[in-house]
Amino acid sequence: MTSTGMARKVDDLGRIVLPVETRRLFGIRPGDALEISVVEGSIVLHKLESGCVFCDGDLAVREYKGKLVCKTCAGELGQGPSGGDAGADGAGTEAGVAGVAGAGSPDASSAMS
């Protein structure tokens, strides 16, 4: 476990404030859900992801390499900057888009450690 050197006091209602640097580092915004668990005597927070990492949409979201991506954004990623279907290697992105759109089960948790 890495120590940040920052300490926060718990208020009368049991709340703590996460430092802005930590919120920015992990992409935590107001309204985001955090899972609280205890691991080997330490309190661990995990940011729960429920929407697309790009548009925050929740329609047809699938996990790809640990991140959630919706069908629309997966399709746009396959288009590339020129709007064509050729990837950087010129081999096309049909398999890559299929991999994003159909990858794994939608697991809504993302480790934050």
Protein backbone atom coordinates (compact mmCIF):
# COMPACT_ATOMS: atom_id res chain seq x y z
CA MET A 1 0.00 0.00 0.00
CA THR A 2 1.29 3.47 -0.86
CA SER A 3 1.00 6.29 1.66
CA THR A 4 0.18 9.73 0.29
CA GLY A 5 1.29 11.56 3.43
CA MET A 6 -2.15 13.20 3.68
CA ALA A 7 -4.44 12.80 6.67
CA ARG A 8 -8.07 13.83 7.07
CA LYS A 9 -10.26 14.02 10.17
CA VAL A 10 -13.65 12.34 10.34
CA ASP A 11 -16.47 14.83 11.00
CA ASP A 12 -19.42 14.41 13.41
CA LEU A 13 -21.42 12.56 10.74
CA GLY A 14 -18.60 10.10 9.99
CA ARG A 15 -17.56 11.75 6.72
CA ILE A 16 -14.10 12.38 5.34
CA VAL A 17 -13.08 14.59 2.43
CA LEU A 18 -10.98 12.97 -0.29
CA PRO A 19 -8.18 15.31 -1.35
CA VAL A 20 -8.70 16.91 -4.76
CA GLU A 21 -5.47 15.34 -6.03
CA THR A 22 -6.80 11.88 -5.18
CA ARG A 23 -10.19 12.59 -6.79
CA ARG A 24 -8.52 13.80 -9.98
CA LEU A 25 -6.09 10.87 -10.08
CA PHE A 26 -8.92 8.33 -9.90
CA GLY A 27 -11.53 10.33 -11.84
CA ILE A 28 -13.89 10.62 -8.87
CA ARG A 29 -16.63 13.19 -9.45
CA PRO A 30 -19.55 14.34 -7.28
CA GLY A 31 -22.23 11.65 -7.31
CA ASP A 32 -19.83 8.75 -8.07
CA ALA A 33 -20.33 5.61 -5.99
CA LEU A 34 -17.46 4.16 -3.96
CA GLU A 35 -17.47 0.64 -2.55
CA ILE A 36 -16.04 0.39 0.97
CA SER A 37 -14.36 -2.85 2.03
CA VAL A 38 -11.90 -4.04 4.66
CA VAL A 39 -8.76 -5.86 3.48
CA GLU A 40 -6.22 -7.12 6.00
CA GLY A 41 -7.25 -4.51 8.57
CA SER A 42 -7.27 -1.58 6.14
CA ILE A 43 -10.23 0.34 4.73
CA VAL A 44 -10.20 0.16 0.92
CA LEU A 45 -12.28 2.29 -1.46
CA HIS A 46 -13.15 1.11 -4.98
CA LYS A 47 -14.78 3.43 -7.48
CA LEU A 48 -17.81 1.71 -8.99
CA GLU A 49 -18.06 2.18 -12.72
CA SER A 50 -21.54 1.94 -14.20
CA GLY A 51 -21.30 3.89 -17.45
CA CYS A 52 -19.15 4.21 -20.53
CA VAL A 53 -15.69 5.59 -19.79
CA PHE A 54 -16.06 8.01 -22.75
CA CYS A 55 -19.66 9.29 -22.66
CA ASP A 56 -20.92 7.98 -19.28
CA GLY A 57 -23.83 6.37 -21.13
CA ASP A 58 -25.26 3.13 -19.81
CA LEU A 59 -26.85 1.62 -22.93
CA ALA A 60 -25.28 -1.69 -24.08
CA VAL A 61 -22.16 -1.22 -21.91
CA ARG A 62 -19.51 -3.97 -22.01
CA GLU A 63 -16.16 -4.35 -20.29
CA TYR A 64 -13.03 -4.01 -22.42
CA LYS A 65 -9.58 -4.22 -20.80
CA GLY A 66 -11.03 -3.32 -17.39
CA LYS A 67 -13.01 -0.31 -18.64
CA LEU A 68 -16.68 -0.02 -19.59
CA VAL A 69 -17.43 1.04 -23.17
CA CYS A 70 -20.87 1.48 -24.74
CA LYS A 71 -21.77 0.14 -28.18
CA THR A 72 -21.88 3.63 -29.72
CA CYS A 73 -18.40 4.63 -28.51
CA ALA A 74 -16.99 1.22 -29.47
CA GLY A 75 -18.28 1.84 -33.00
CA GLU A 76 -16.79 5.34 -33.10
CA LEU A 77 -13.43 4.01 -31.90
CA GLY A 78 -13.45 1.60 -34.80
CA GLN A 79 -13.89 4.48 -37.27
CA GLY A 80 -10.53 6.09 -36.46
CA PRO A 81 -9.71 9.77 -37.03
CA SER A 82 -10.20 9.57 -40.80
CA GLY A 83 -13.63 7.97 -40.61
CA GLY A 84 -12.45 4.87 -42.52
CA ASP A 85 -12.24 1.32 -41.27
CA ALA A 86 -8.45 0.89 -41.50
CA GLY A 87 -6.52 0.83 -38.24
CA ALA A 88 -2.99 2.08 -37.69
CA ASP A 89 -1.64 -1.17 -39.16
CA GLY A 90 -3.90 -0.87 -42.22
CA ALA A 91 -5.52 -4.23 -41.45
CA GLY A 92 -8.91 -2.78 -40.59
CA THR A 93 -10.66 -2.63 -37.23
CA GLU A 94 -13.57 -4.98 -37.67
CA ALA A 95 -12.12 -7.48 -35.17
CA GLY A 96 -11.16 -4.67 -32.78
CA VAL A 97 -14.66 -3.21 -32.75
CA ALA A 98 -16.18 -6.65 -32.28
CA GLY A 99 -13.77 -7.21 -29.41
CA VAL A 100 -14.93 -4.02 -27.69
CA ALA A 101 -18.62 -4.48 -28.37
CA GLY A 102 -18.71 -8.13 -27.35
CA ALA A 103 -16.02 -8.38 -24.72
CA GLY A 104 -16.65 -10.12 -21.38
CA SER A 105 -19.38 -9.60 -18.87
CA PRO A 106 -20.18 -6.11 -17.64
CA ASP A 107 -18.47 -5.98 -14.24
CA ALA A 108 -19.32 -2.66 -12.63
CA SER A 109 -16.35 -2.46 -10.28
CA SER A 110 -12.90 -1.11 -10.95
CA ALA A 111 -10.02 -1.46 -8.52
CA MET A 112 -8.82 1.79 -7.05
CA SER A 113 -5.63 0.75 -5.37
